[in-house]
C-alpha atoms as a PDB file:
ATOM      1  CA  MET A   1     -10.782 -27.514-117.966  1.00  0.00           C
ATOM      2  CA  LYS A   2      -9.851 -24.658-115.717  1.00  0.00           C
ATOM      3  CA  LYS A   3      -9.095 -25.482-112.040  1.00  0.00           C
ATOM      4  CA  ASN A   4     -10.638 -23.346-109.353  1.00  0.00           C
ATOM      5  CA  PRO A   5      -7.997 -22.714-106.654  1.00  0.00           C
ATOM      6  CA  LEU A   6     -10.662 -21.892-104.047  1.00  0.00           C
ATOM      7  CA  LEU A   7     -12.480 -25.163-104.675  1.00  0.00           C
ATOM      8  CA  LEU A   8      -9.215 -27.098-104.406  1.00  0.00           C
ATOM      9  CA  LEU A   9      -8.332 -25.303-101.153  1.00  0.00           C
ATOM     10  CA  ALA A  10     -11.787 -26.045 -99.709  1.00  0.00           C
ATOM     11  CA  ALA A  11     -11.493 -29.747-100.606  1.00  0.00           C
ATOM     12  CA  LEU A  12      -8.055 -29.992 -98.994  1.00  0.00           C
ATOM     13  CA  SER A  13      -9.315 -28.231 -95.869  1.00  0.00           C
ATOM     14  CA  LEU A  14     -12.219 -30.657 -95.523  1.00  0.00           C
ATOM     15  CA  ALA A  15      -9.915 -33.623 -96.010  1.00  0.00           C
ATOM     16  CA  ALA A  16      -7.659 -32.343 -93.242  1.00  0.00           C
ATOM     17  CA  LEU A  17     -10.630 -32.055 -90.889  1.00  0.00           C
ATOM     18  CA  THR A  18     -11.806 -35.632 -91.439  1.00  0.00           C
ATOM     19  CA  PRO A  19     -11.409 -37.433 -88.110  1.00  0.00           C
ATOM     20  CA  ALA A  20      -8.811 -40.158 -87.940  1.00  0.00           C
ATOM     21  CA  ARG A  21     -10.060 -43.583 -87.062  1.00  0.00           C
ATOM     22  CA  ALA A  22      -9.019 -44.790 -83.635  1.00  0.00           C
ATOM     23  CA  ALA A  23      -7.378 -48.146 -83.306  1.00  0.00           C
ATOM     24  CA  THR A  24      -9.861 -50.647 -81.980  1.00  0.00           C
ATOM     25  CA  ALA A  25      -9.189 -53.274 -79.358  1.00  0.00           C
ATOM     26  CA  ASP A  26     -11.057 -56.434 -78.544  1.00  0.00           C
ATOM     27  CA  VAL A  27     -13.619 -55.953 -75.804  1.00  0.00           C
ATOM     28  CA  LEU A  28     -13.349 -58.894 -73.435  1.00  0.00           C
ATOM     29  CA  ASP A  29     -16.143 -60.516 -71.464  1.00  0.00           C
ATOM     30  CA  ALA A  30     -16.435 -60.393 -67.680  1.00  0.00           C
ATOM     31  CA  LYS A  31     -15.642 -64.058 -67.056  1.00  0.00           C
ATOM     32  CA  PRO A  32     -12.875 -64.885 -64.565  1.00  0.00           C
ATOM     33  CA  ALA A  33     -11.288 -67.226 -67.148  1.00  0.00           C
ATOM     34  CA  SER A  34     -10.904 -64.284 -69.564  1.00  0.00           C
ATOM     35  CA  LEU A  35      -8.994 -62.338 -66.930  1.00  0.00           C
ATOM     36  CA  VAL A  36      -6.794 -65.365 -66.246  1.00  0.00           C
ATOM     37  CA  LYS A  37      -5.900 -65.379 -69.954  1.00  0.00           C
ATOM     38  CA  VAL A  38      -5.070 -61.644 -69.909  1.00  0.00           C
ATOM     39  CA  LEU A  39      -2.842 -62.117 -66.856  1.00  0.00           C
ATOM     40  CA  SER A  40      -1.123 -65.159 -68.396  1.00  0.00           C
ATOM     41  CA  GLU A  41      -0.437 -63.233 -71.600  1.00  0.00           C
ATOM     42  CA  GLY A  42       1.052 -60.476 -69.420  1.00  0.00           C
ATOM     43  CA  GLY A  43       3.632 -62.880 -68.007  1.00  0.00           C
ATOM     44  CA  TYR A  44       1.908 -63.658 -64.709  1.00  0.00           C
ATOM     45  CA  LYS A  45       1.041 -67.135 -63.443  1.00  0.00           C
ATOM     46  CA  PRO A  46      -2.496 -66.654 -62.149  1.00  0.00           C
ATOM     47  CA  GLN A  47      -4.237 -69.337 -60.114  1.00  0.00           C
ATOM     48  CA  LEU A  48      -8.010 -69.226 -60.496  1.00  0.00           C
ATOM     49  CA  ARG A  49     -10.026 -70.162 -57.449  1.00  0.00           C
ATOM     50  CA  PRO A  50     -13.493 -70.865 -58.866  1.00  0.00           C
ATOM     51  CA  GLY A  51     -15.441 -70.146 -55.691  1.00  0.00           C
ATOM     52  CA  ASP A  52     -18.511 -72.024 -54.541  1.00  0.00           C
ATOM     53  CA  SER A  53     -22.029 -71.400 -53.258  1.00  0.00           C
ATOM     54  CA  LYS A  54     -20.628 -69.240 -50.430  1.00  0.00           C
ATOM     55  CA  THR A  55     -17.674 -67.477 -52.060  1.00  0.00           C
ATOM     56  CA  GLN A  56     -17.087 -65.614 -55.298  1.00  0.00           C
ATOM     57  CA  PRO A  57     -14.203 -66.597 -57.617  1.00  0.00           C
ATOM     58  CA  SER A  58     -10.751 -65.139 -57.028  1.00  0.00           C
ATOM     59  CA  ILE A  59      -7.302 -65.140 -58.582  1.00  0.00           C
ATOM     60  CA  ALA A  60      -3.984 -65.413 -56.760  1.00  0.00           C
ATOM     61  CA  LEU A  61      -0.692 -64.480 -58.381  1.00  0.00           C
ATOM     62  CA  LYS A  62       2.856 -63.633 -57.403  1.00  0.00           C
ATOM     63  CA  VAL A  63       4.372 -60.296 -58.328  1.00  0.00           C
ATOM     64  CA  LYS A  64       8.030 -59.762 -57.436  1.00  0.00           C
ATOM     65  CA  GLY A  65       7.720 -62.299 -54.629  1.00  0.00           C
ATOM     66  CA  ASP A  66       4.523 -60.814 -53.161  1.00  0.00           C
ATOM     67  CA  ASP A  67       1.138 -62.508 -53.230  1.00  0.00           C
ATOM     68  CA  VAL A  68      -1.483 -60.420 -55.033  1.00  0.00           C
ATOM     69  CA  TYR A  69      -5.170 -61.288 -54.775  1.00  0.00           C
ATOM     70  CA  LEU A  70      -7.965 -60.375 -57.162  1.00  0.00           C
ATOM     71  CA  TYR A  71     -11.487 -60.944 -55.845  1.00  0.00           C
ATOM     72  CA  PHE A  72     -14.512 -61.030 -58.147  1.00  0.00           C
ATOM     73  CA  SER A  73     -17.891 -59.710 -57.042  1.00  0.00           C
ATOM     74  CA  GLY A  74     -21.368 -59.422 -58.464  1.00  0.00           C
ATOM     75  CA  CYS A  75     -20.995 -62.748 -60.276  1.00  0.00           C
ATOM     76  CA  LYS A  76     -24.009 -64.358 -61.905  1.00  0.00           C
ATOM     77  CA  ASP A  77     -24.095 -67.067 -64.574  1.00  0.00           C
ATOM     78  CA  GLY A  78     -20.293 -67.007 -64.891  1.00  0.00           C
ATOM     79  CA  MET A  79     -20.049 -63.238 -65.502  1.00  0.00           C
ATOM     80  CA  CYS A  80     -18.783 -60.821 -62.834  1.00  0.00           C
ATOM     81  CA  ARG A  81     -19.433 -57.098 -62.375  1.00  0.00           C
ATOM     82  CA  ARG A  82     -16.060 -56.159 -60.913  1.00  0.00           C
ATOM     83  CA  VAL A  83     -12.718 -57.394 -59.688  1.00  0.00           C
ATOM     84  CA  THR A  84     -10.965 -55.952 -56.647  1.00  0.00           C
ATOM     85  CA  ALA A  85      -7.252 -56.134 -55.961  1.00  0.00           C
ATOM     86  CA  SER A  86      -6.796 -56.460 -52.209  1.00  0.00           C
ATOM     87  CA  ASN A  87      -3.628 -57.024 -50.290  1.00  0.00           C
ATOM     88  CA  GLY A  88      -2.818 -57.012 -46.615  1.00  0.00           C
ATOM     89  CA  PHE A  89       0.083 -55.629 -44.640  1.00  0.00           C
ATOM     90  CA  GLU A  90       1.113 -56.345 -41.082  1.00  0.00           C
ATOM     91  CA  PHE A  91       0.477 -53.519 -38.667  1.00  0.00           C
ATOM     92  CA  PRO A  92       3.438 -51.170 -38.276  1.00  0.00           C
ATOM     93  CA  LYS A  93       5.232 -51.493 -34.927  1.00  0.00           C
ATOM     94  CA  ASP A  94       4.127 -48.006 -33.944  1.00  0.00           C
ATOM     95  CA  ARG A  95       0.424 -47.690 -34.710  1.00  0.00           C
ATOM     96  CA  SER A  96       0.005 -44.237 -33.161  1.00  0.00           C
ATOM     97  CA  GLY A  97       0.149 -42.446 -36.524  1.00  0.00           C
ATOM     98  CA  LEU A  98      -1.687 -45.103 -38.546  1.00  0.00           C
ATOM     99  CA  ALA A  99      -5.020 -43.262 -38.802  1.00  0.00           C
ATOM    100  CA  LYS A 100      -3.274 -40.206 -40.287  1.00  0.00           C
ATOM    101  CA  VAL A 101      -1.255 -42.321 -42.735  1.00  0.00           C
ATOM    102  CA  LEU A 102      -4.463 -43.996 -43.956  1.00  0.00           C
ATOM    103  CA  ALA A 103      -6.402 -40.715 -44.183  1.00  0.00           C
ATOM    104  CA  ASP A 104      -3.577 -39.002 -46.077  1.00  0.00           C
ATOM    105  CA  TRP A 105      -3.294 -41.946 -48.476  1.00  0.00           C
ATOM    106  CA  ASN A 106      -7.035 -42.090 -49.145  1.00  0.00           C
ATOM    107  CA  ALA A 107      -7.188 -38.354 -49.804  1.00  0.00           C
ATOM    108  CA  GLU A 108      -4.528 -38.573 -52.501  1.00  0.00           C
ATOM    109  CA  TRP A 109      -4.663 -41.988 -54.189  1.00  0.00           C
ATOM    110  CA  TYR A 110      -7.161 -44.019 -56.200  1.00  0.00           C
ATOM    111  CA  SER A 111      -6.600 -47.164 -54.150  1.00  0.00           C
ATOM    112  CA  GLN A 112      -8.146 -47.202 -50.702  1.00  0.00           C
ATOM    113  CA  ALA A 113      -6.317 -48.149 -47.520  1.00  0.00           C
ATOM    114  CA  TYR A 114      -8.040 -49.273 -44.345  1.00  0.00           C
ATOM    115  CA  GLU A 115      -7.398 -50.976 -41.034  1.00  0.00           C
ATOM    116  CA  GLY A 116      -8.814 -54.453 -40.484  1.00  0.00           C
ATOM    117  CA  GLU A 117      -8.791 -56.662 -37.411  1.00  0.00           C
ATOM    118  CA  ASP A 118      -5.610 -58.436 -38.466  1.00  0.00           C
ATOM    119  CA  GLY A 119      -3.719 -55.785 -40.419  1.00  0.00           C
ATOM    120  CA  VAL A 120      -3.866 -52.978 -42.933  1.00  0.00           C
ATOM    121  CA  TYR A 121      -5.314 -53.444 -46.421  1.00  0.00           C
ATOM    122  CA  LEU A 122      -5.022 -51.721 -49.770  1.00  0.00           C
ATOM    123  CA  ASP A 123      -7.890 -52.185 -52.249  1.00  0.00           C
ATOM    124  CA  ALA A 124      -8.722 -50.973 -55.743  1.00  0.00           C
ATOM    125  CA  SER A 125     -11.694 -52.061 -57.857  1.00  0.00           C
ATOM    126  CA  TYR A 126     -11.997 -52.424 -61.621  1.00  0.00           C
ATOM    127  CA  LEU A 127     -15.359 -52.566 -63.380  1.00  0.00           C
ATOM    128  CA  LEU A 128     -15.730 -55.539 -65.731  1.00  0.00           C
ATOM    129  CA  ALA A 129     -19.441 -55.134 -66.543  1.00  0.00           C
ATOM    130  CA  GLY A 130     -19.952 -54.076 -70.137  1.00  0.00           C
ATOM    131  CA  GLY A 131     -16.544 -55.386 -71.168  1.00  0.00           C
ATOM    132  CA  TYR A 132     -12.971 -54.183 -70.926  1.00  0.00           C
ATOM    133  CA  THR A 133      -9.808 -54.245 -72.995  1.00  0.00           C
ATOM    134  CA  LYS A 134      -6.564 -56.014 -72.234  1.00  0.00           C
ATOM    135  CA  ALA A 135      -4.643 -52.737 -72.439  1.00  0.00           C
ATOM    136  CA  ASN A 136      -6.992 -50.947 -70.052  1.00  0.00           C
ATOM    137  CA  PHE A 137      -6.984 -53.738 -67.466  1.00  0.00           C
ATOM    138  CA  THR A 138      -3.194 -54.072 -67.668  1.00  0.00           C
ATOM    139  CA  ALA A 139      -2.779 -50.317 -67.146  1.00  0.00           C
ATOM    140  CA  TRP A 140      -5.082 -50.495 -64.103  1.00  0.00           C
ATOM    141  CA  LEU A 141      -3.179 -53.456 -62.614  1.00  0.00           C
ATOM    142  CA  ASP A 142       0.177 -51.753 -63.224  1.00  0.00           C
ATOM    143  CA  ALA A 143      -1.099 -48.625 -61.441  1.00  0.00           C
ATOM    144  CA  TYR A 144      -2.365 -50.706 -58.505  1.00  0.00           C
ATOM    145  CA  LEU A 145       0.952 -52.556 -58.195  1.00  0.00           C
ATOM    146  CA  GLU A 146       2.846 -49.257 -58.213  1.00  0.00           C
ATOM    147  CA  GLU A 147       0.554 -47.884 -55.495  1.00  0.00           C
ATOM    148  CA  TYR A 148       0.927 -51.159 -53.562  1.00  0.00           C
ATOM    149  CA  GLY A 149       4.697 -50.653 -53.442  1.00  0.00           C
ATOM    150  CA  ASP A 150       4.375 -46.966 -52.575  1.00  0.00           C
ATOM    151  CA  PHE A 151       1.862 -47.723 -49.815  1.00  0.00           C
ATOM    152  CA  GLY A 152       4.170 -50.303 -48.238  1.00  0.00           C
ATOM    153  CA  ASP A 153       6.957 -47.708 -48.204  1.00  0.00           C
ATOM    154  CA  LYS A 154       4.663 -45.110 -46.622  1.00  0.00           C
ATOM    155  CA  LEU A 155       3.235 -47.538 -44.045  1.00  0.00           C
ATOM    156  CA  TYR A 156       6.612 -48.561 -42.644  1.00  0.00           C
END
């Protein structure tokens, strides 16, 4: 049997163009308890606050000595649409430039800073609806925590 070099070259070319399969990750449900498990596996010690008829569930945890709060919203039948990281800061001693600091931050960063009645806050939301992966949530939380530190430096 005679081999056709063109046929062999064509077969090798097609094999090289076959898409590689992406690694798959478990898609997690949007239950607060699932997020508690992800945080625990990441080395945190989350405290789930289940909420009640007036409040949505939330999670409190410590990160490098700071309290970090995750608030769930859009919860129905134990599933939640999103979780928002929200942390407060005391007002800086000189508040004259605060509006500019907040506007500059919000123009550049994913997290959003704003002034409340009792201090300054930094928020970032993560969509849980439809499922999420541990790696994706962890990357989001790491980014928020980095921005949290950077914002504190910029604020004071």
